[in-house]
Amino acid sequence: MSRAIIITGPPGSGKGTQAKLVAEYIGGVWYDTGAKIRERLARGEVLDKGYVEGYAVGKLLDPNKTLKMVLGDIKEVFASQKSVVLSSSPKSTIEAFGSGDDGLMHMLRDTYGMENILIFRIHIPLEESIKRNMKREDGRVDDTPETIKSRYEDQYGKSVAPTIEAIKAQGYNVIDIDGIPSPEEVFESIKQHL
């Protein structure tokens, strides 16, 4: 049975780590939006200047451009009907629902069926987010307590969190996970629902 799993949470909540573990566990494909953007930048691909500048300062990226990129990247996964595990998407209601029936959630529902979509929402407080992000070896070069706080409050608090609530309101299965324990313990909590 192929599934679509979304791992979401504030900066430093371990969503990328958990998504990778889940993908390995279920034999699925892991897709991380932020990692894909960083890969494109490292390869020197020309991305929209405003889009990149927003990313550099921790602002929410243009959701229409992000949706187009994500759907373009994972269309092969959809075609193969392999399980997919997403981290860092969707971050906005536009990305989730598009302008009608062309959003990420519609594509996931049409490919996997609503009953085969799981959303794990990992919770950590702001102080923990700042602490974790400041000591990440693979952190962004612009990581400062101020930019992390901005991403936590503005990007996550004002866009991602309401988007997940909107997804939940449409009947999707959203499971809350405590992100404070060790990554191994968090993964064990997630595994109970897989």
C-alpha atoms as a PDB file:
ATOM      1  CA  MET A   1       0.000   0.000   0.000  1.00  0.00           C
ATOM      2  CA  SER A   2       1.492   3.313  -1.096  1.00  0.00           C
ATOM      3  CA  ARG A   3       1.115   6.269   1.228  1.00  0.00           C
ATOM      4  CA  ALA A   4       1.802   9.975   1.359  1.00  0.00           C
ATOM      5  CA  ILE A   5       3.231  11.222   4.636  1.00  0.00           C
ATOM      6  CA  ILE A   6       3.851  14.837   5.547  1.00  0.00           C
ATOM      7  CA  ILE A   7       6.196  15.726   8.415  1.00  0.00           C
ATOM      8  CA  THR A   8       5.791  19.312   9.567  1.00  0.00           C
ATOM      9  CA  GLY A   9       6.875  21.456  12.470  1.00  0.00           C
ATOM     10  CA  PRO A  10       8.758  24.636  13.333  1.00  0.00           C
ATOM     11  CA  PRO A  11      12.450  25.182  12.521  1.00  0.00           C
ATOM     12  CA  GLY A  12      14.636  22.710  14.404  1.00  0.00           C
ATOM     13  CA  SER A  13      11.801  20.294  15.172  1.00  0.00           C
ATOM     14  CA  GLY A  14      13.601  17.509  13.312  1.00  0.00           C
ATOM     15  CA  LYS A  15      11.123  17.170  10.472  1.00  0.00           C
ATOM     16  CA  GLY A  16      13.864  16.420   7.929  1.00  0.00           C
ATOM     17  CA  THR A  17      15.466  13.810  10.171  1.00  0.00           C
ATOM     18  CA  GLN A  18      12.129  12.148  10.860  1.00  0.00           C
ATOM     19  CA  ALA A  19      11.045  12.276   7.213  1.00  0.00           C
ATOM     20  CA  LYS A  20      14.255  10.533   6.170  1.00  0.00           C
ATOM     21  CA  LEU A  21      13.751   7.837   8.833  1.00  0.00           C
ATOM     22  CA  VAL A  22      10.110   7.333   7.849  1.00  0.00           C
ATOM     23  CA  ALA A  23      10.981   7.092   4.146  1.00  0.00           C
ATOM     24  CA  GLU A  24      13.585   4.416   4.905  1.00  0.00           C
ATOM     25  CA  TYR A  25      11.169   2.582   7.191  1.00  0.00           C
ATOM     26  CA  ILE A  26       8.307   2.412   4.668  1.00  0.00           C
ATOM     27  CA  GLY A  27      10.471   2.177   1.534  1.00  0.00           C
ATOM     28  CA  GLY A  28       9.303   5.523   0.221  1.00  0.00           C
ATOM     29  CA  VAL A  29      10.847   8.565  -1.441  1.00  0.00           C
ATOM     30  CA  TRP A  30      11.824  11.505   0.779  1.00  0.00           C
ATOM     31  CA  TYR A  31      11.289  15.013  -0.580  1.00  0.00           C
ATOM     32  CA  ASP A  32      12.430  18.085   1.383  1.00  0.00           C
ATOM     33  CA  THR A  33      11.528  21.424  -0.195  1.00  0.00           C
ATOM     34  CA  GLY A  34      14.250  23.444   1.550  1.00  0.00           C
ATOM     35  CA  ALA A  35      16.920  20.897   0.625  1.00  0.00           C
ATOM     36  CA  LYS A  36      15.804  21.001  -3.017  1.00  0.00           C
ATOM     37  CA  ILE A  37      16.083  24.795  -3.079  1.00  0.00           C
ATOM     38  CA  ARG A  38      19.575  24.632  -1.533  1.00  0.00           C
ATOM     39  CA  GLU A  39      20.596  21.987  -4.108  1.00  0.00           C
ATOM     40  CA  ARG A  40      19.444  24.238  -6.938  1.00  0.00           C
ATOM     41  CA  LEU A  41      21.372  27.190  -5.531  1.00  0.00           C
ATOM     42  CA  ALA A  42      24.515  25.061  -5.054  1.00  0.00           C
ATOM     43  CA  ARG A  43      24.305  23.929  -8.690  1.00  0.00           C
ATOM     44  CA  GLY A  44      24.114  27.558  -9.759  1.00  0.00           C
ATOM     45  CA  GLU A  45      20.634  27.239 -11.201  1.00  0.00           C
ATOM     46  CA  VAL A  46      19.051  30.584 -11.887  1.00  0.00           C
ATOM     47  CA  LEU A  47      16.118  30.994  -9.562  1.00  0.00           C
ATOM     48  CA  ASP A  48      13.895  34.033  -9.321  1.00  0.00           C
ATOM     49  CA  LYS A  49      15.911  36.742  -7.512  1.00  0.00           C
ATOM     50  CA  GLY A  50      13.082  37.782  -5.203  1.00  0.00           C
ATOM     51  CA  TYR A  51      12.345  34.142  -4.398  1.00  0.00           C
ATOM     52  CA  VAL A  52      15.969  33.501  -3.395  1.00  0.00           C
ATOM     53  CA  GLU A  53      16.290  36.742  -1.427  1.00  0.00           C
ATOM     54  CA  GLY A  54      13.199  35.850   0.581  1.00  0.00           C
ATOM     55  CA  TYR A  55      14.643  32.427   1.348  1.00  0.00           C
ATOM     56  CA  ALA A  56      17.927  33.976   2.523  1.00  0.00           C
ATOM     57  CA  VAL A  57      16.197  36.042   5.196  1.00  0.00           C
ATOM     58  CA  GLY A  58      13.813  33.346   6.359  1.00  0.00           C
ATOM     59  CA  LYS A  59      10.694  34.712   4.661  1.00  0.00           C
ATOM     60  CA  LEU A  60       7.925  32.528   3.281  1.00  0.00           C
ATOM     61  CA  LEU A  61       8.623  31.856  -0.373  1.00  0.00           C
ATOM     62  CA  ASP A  62       6.148  32.575  -3.174  1.00  0.00           C
ATOM     63  CA  PRO A  63       3.686  29.707  -2.633  1.00  0.00           C
ATOM     64  CA  ASN A  64       2.698  29.447  -6.298  1.00  0.00           C
ATOM     65  CA  LYS A  65       6.337  29.031  -7.356  1.00  0.00           C
ATOM     66  CA  THR A  66       6.963  26.568  -4.528  1.00  0.00           C
ATOM     67  CA  LEU A  67       3.889  24.519  -5.463  1.00  0.00           C
ATOM     68  CA  LYS A  68       4.996  24.399  -9.110  1.00  0.00           C
ATOM     69  CA  MET A  69       8.499  23.280  -8.092  1.00  0.00           C
ATOM     70  CA  VAL A  70       7.280  20.578  -5.687  1.00  0.00           C
ATOM     71  CA  LEU A  71       4.738  19.115  -8.096  1.00  0.00           C
ATOM     72  CA  GLY A  72       7.273  19.186 -10.921  1.00  0.00           C
ATOM     73  CA  ASP A  73       9.857  17.401  -8.791  1.00  0.00           C
ATOM     74  CA  ILE A  74       7.597  14.643  -7.514  1.00  0.00           C
ATOM     75  CA  LYS A  75       5.502  13.927 -10.598  1.00  0.00           C
ATOM     76  CA  GLU A  76       7.644  10.845 -11.261  1.00  0.00           C
ATOM     77  CA  VAL A  77       6.902   9.604  -7.751  1.00  0.00           C
ATOM     78  CA  PHE A  78       3.196  10.151  -8.406  1.00  0.00           C
ATOM     79  CA  ALA A  79       3.462   8.281 -11.711  1.00  0.00           C
ATOM     80  CA  SER A  80       5.205   5.302 -10.065  1.00  0.00           C
ATOM     81  CA  GLN A  81       2.800   5.453  -7.111  1.00  0.00           C
ATOM     82  CA  LYS A  82       5.678   4.904  -4.700  1.00  0.00           C
ATOM     83  CA  SER A  83       5.099   6.156  -1.176  1.00  0.00           C
ATOM     84  CA  VAL A  84       6.302   9.722  -0.667  1.00  0.00           C
ATOM     85  CA  VAL A  85       7.403  11.446   2.531  1.00  0.00           C
ATOM     86  CA  LEU A  86       7.428  15.240   2.415  1.00  0.00           C
ATOM     87  CA  SER A  87       9.108  17.623   4.827  1.00  0.00           C
ATOM     88  CA  SER A  88       8.760  21.414   4.583  1.00  0.00           C
ATOM     89  CA  SER A  89       5.689  21.258   2.337  1.00  0.00           C
ATOM     90  CA  PRO A  90       3.032  22.529   2.354  1.00  0.00           C
ATOM     91  CA  LYS A  91       3.850  25.816   4.060  1.00  0.00           C
ATOM     92  CA  SER A  92       0.822  27.809   2.921  1.00  0.00           C
ATOM     93  CA  THR A  93      -2.824  27.294   2.025  1.00  0.00           C
ATOM     94  CA  ILE A  94      -2.007  28.185  -1.600  1.00  0.00           C
ATOM     95  CA  GLU A  95       0.630  25.452  -1.687  1.00  0.00           C
ATOM     96  CA  ALA A  96      -1.770  23.016  -0.007  1.00  0.00           C
ATOM     97  CA  PHE A  97      -4.920  23.769  -1.992  1.00  0.00           C
ATOM     98  CA  GLY A  98      -3.832  25.803  -5.026  1.00  0.00           C
ATOM     99  CA  SER A  99      -6.535  27.878  -6.632  1.00  0.00           C
ATOM    100  CA  GLY A 100      -9.166  25.155  -6.644  1.00  0.00           C
ATOM    101  CA  ASP A 101      -8.202  21.585  -7.322  1.00  0.00           C
ATOM    102  CA  ASP A 102      -4.554  21.995  -8.264  1.00  0.00           C
ATOM    103  CA  GLY A 103      -2.882  22.094  -4.846  1.00  0.00           C
ATOM    104  CA  LEU A 104      -0.530  19.597  -3.265  1.00  0.00           C
ATOM    105  CA  MET A 105      -3.246  18.042  -1.068  1.00  0.00           C
ATOM    106  CA  HIS A 106      -5.484  17.432  -4.094  1.00  0.00           C
ATOM    107  CA  MET A 107      -2.632  15.770  -5.964  1.00  0.00           C
ATOM    108  CA  LEU A 108      -1.804  13.583  -2.970  1.00  0.00           C
ATOM    109  CA  ARG A 109      -5.463  12.670  -2.469  1.00  0.00           C
ATOM    110  CA  ASP A 110      -5.959  11.808  -6.129  1.00  0.00           C
ATOM    111  CA  THR A 111      -2.795   9.686  -6.192  1.00  0.00           C
ATOM    112  CA  TYR A 112      -2.932   7.924  -2.828  1.00  0.00           C
ATOM    113  CA  GLY A 113      -6.475   8.331  -1.525  1.00  0.00           C
ATOM    114  CA  MET A 114      -7.317  10.484   1.467  1.00  0.00           C
ATOM    115  CA  GLU A 115      -7.222   7.499   3.834  1.00  0.00           C
ATOM    116  CA  ASN A 116      -3.550   6.886   2.897  1.00  0.00           C
ATOM    117  CA  ILE A 117      -2.349  10.388   3.773  1.00  0.00           C
ATOM    118  CA  LEU A 118      -0.859  11.031   7.215  1.00  0.00           C
ATOM    119  CA  ILE A 119       0.375  14.363   8.568  1.00  0.00           C
ATOM    120  CA  PHE A 120       2.716  14.363  11.557  1.00  0.00           C
ATOM    121  CA  ARG A 121       2.989  17.734  13.315  1.00  0.00           C
ATOM    122  CA  ILE A 122       6.088  17.862  15.536  1.00  0.00           C
ATOM    123  CA  HIS A 123       5.958  20.357  18.415  1.00  0.00           C
ATOM    124  CA  ILE A 124       8.879  22.194  20.032  1.00  0.00           C
ATOM    125  CA  PRO A 125       8.869  25.609  21.774  1.00  0.00           C
ATOM    126  CA  LEU A 126      10.645  28.672  20.374  1.00  0.00           C
ATOM    127  CA  GLU A 127      13.549  28.449  22.863  1.00  0.00           C
ATOM    128  CA  GLU A 128      14.282  24.874  21.769  1.00  0.00           C
ATOM    129  CA  SER A 129      14.054  25.891  18.105  1.00  0.00           C
ATOM    130  CA  ILE A 130      16.658  28.621  18.591  1.00  0.00           C
ATOM    131  CA  LYS A 131      18.946  26.337  20.619  1.00  0.00           C
ATOM    132  CA  ARG A 132      18.849  23.538  18.039  1.00  0.00           C
ATOM    133  CA  ASN A 133      19.256  25.759  14.996  1.00  0.00           C
ATOM    134  CA  MET A 134      22.221  27.639  16.461  1.00  0.00           C
ATOM    135  CA  LYS A 135      24.205  24.424  16.872  1.00  0.00           C
ATOM    136  CA  ARG A 136      23.246  22.696  13.612  1.00  0.00           C
ATOM    137  CA  GLU A 137      26.291  21.869  11.517  1.00  0.00           C
ATOM    138  CA  ASP A 138      24.202  22.010   8.358  1.00  0.00           C
ATOM    139  CA  GLY A 139      22.430  25.189   9.416  1.00  0.00           C
ATOM    140  CA  ARG A 140      21.856  28.102   7.091  1.00  0.00           C
ATOM    141  CA  VAL A 141      24.595  30.716   6.957  1.00  0.00           C
ATOM    142  CA  ASP A 142      22.091  33.369   8.016  1.00  0.00           C
ATOM    143  CA  ASP A 143      20.984  31.531  11.171  1.00  0.00           C
ATOM    144  CA  THR A 144      20.830  33.977  14.074  1.00  0.00           C
ATOM    145  CA  PRO A 145      18.425  33.944  17.025  1.00  0.00           C
ATOM    146  CA  GLU A 146      16.515  36.765  15.276  1.00  0.00           C
ATOM    147  CA  THR A 147      16.106  35.003  11.926  1.00  0.00           C
ATOM    148  CA  ILE A 148      15.190  31.726  13.624  1.00  0.00           C
ATOM    149  CA  LYS A 149      12.600  33.545  15.744  1.00  0.00           C
ATOM    150  CA  SER A 150      11.236  35.180  12.586  1.00  0.00           C
ATOM    151  CA  ARG A 151      10.933  31.816  10.824  1.00  0.00           C
ATOM    152  CA  TYR A 152       9.300  30.276  13.903  1.00  0.00           C
ATOM    153  CA  GLU A 153       6.774  33.075  14.474  1.00  0.00           C
ATOM    154  CA  ASP A 154       6.147  34.419  10.980  1.00  0.00           C
ATOM    155  CA  GLN A 155       6.705  31.486   8.642  1.00  0.00           C
ATOM    156  CA  TYR A 156       5.595  28.654  10.907  1.00  0.00           C
ATOM    157  CA  GLY A 157       3.189  30.433  13.271  1.00  0.00           C
ATOM    158  CA  LYS A 158       1.380  32.606  10.721  1.00  0.00           C
ATOM    159  CA  SER A 159       1.436  30.330   7.675  1.00  0.00           C
ATOM    160  CA  VAL A 160       2.385  26.687   8.269  1.00  0.00           C
ATOM    161  CA  ALA A 161       0.384  26.135  11.478  1.00  0.00           C
ATOM    162  CA  PRO A 162      -2.862  27.632  10.046  1.00  0.00           C
ATOM    163  CA  THR A 163      -2.341  25.607   6.853  1.00  0.00           C
ATOM    164  CA  ILE A 164      -2.132  22.361   8.834  1.00  0.00           C
ATOM    165  CA  GLU A 165      -5.294  23.352  10.713  1.00  0.00           C
ATOM    166  CA  ALA A 166      -7.044  23.963   7.370  1.00  0.00           C
ATOM    167  CA  ILE A 167      -5.893  20.536   6.153  1.00  0.00           C
ATOM    168  CA  LYS A 168      -7.150  18.945   9.375  1.00  0.00           C
ATOM    169  CA  ALA A 169     -10.499  20.726   8.980  1.00  0.00           C
ATOM    170  CA  GLN A 170     -10.920  19.020   5.599  1.00  0.00           C
ATOM    171  CA  GLY A 171     -10.747  15.630   7.319  1.00  0.00           C
ATOM    172  CA  TYR A 172      -7.103  14.688   6.826  1.00  0.00           C
ATOM    173  CA  ASN A 173      -5.424  12.727   9.611  1.00  0.00           C
ATOM    174  CA  VAL A 174      -3.121  15.079  11.561  1.00  0.00           C
ATOM    175  CA  ILE A 175      -1.143  13.478  14.393  1.00  0.00           C
ATOM    176  CA  ASP A 176       0.613  15.639  17.005  1.00  0.00           C
ATOM    177  CA  ILE A 177       4.068  14.501  18.111  1.00  0.00           C
ATOM    178  CA  ASP A 178       6.226  15.809  20.987  1.00  0.00           C
ATOM    179  CA  GLY A 179       9.530  16.837  19.412  1.00  0.00           C
ATOM    180  CA  ILE A 180      11.465  17.382  22.656  1.00  0.00           C
ATOM    181  CA  PRO A 181      12.704  13.778  23.190  1.00  0.00           C
ATOM    182  CA  SER A 182      15.647  12.315  21.275  1.00  0.00           C
ATOM    183  CA  PRO A 183      15.242  11.708  17.523  1.00  0.00           C
ATOM    184  CA  GLU A 184      15.043   7.978  18.216  1.00  0.00           C
ATOM    185  CA  GLU A 185      12.209   8.474  20.698  1.00  0.00           C
ATOM    186  CA  VAL A 186      10.353  10.821  18.347  1.00  0.00           C
ATOM    187  CA  PHE A 187      10.662   8.242  15.580  1.00  0.00           C
ATOM    188  CA  GLU A 188       9.261   5.548  17.878  1.00  0.00           C
ATOM    189  CA  SER A 189       6.249   7.810  18.537  1.00  0.00           C
ATOM    190  CA  ILE A 190       5.732   8.262  14.798  1.00  0.00           C
ATOM    191  CA  LYS A 191       6.155   4.542  14.067  1.00  0.00           C
ATOM    192  CA  GLN A 192       3.196   3.745  16.307  1.00  0.00           C
ATOM    193  CA  HIS A 193       0.946   5.375  13.690  1.00  0.00           C
ATOM    194  CA  LEU A 194       2.516   3.902  10.549  1.00  0.00           C
END
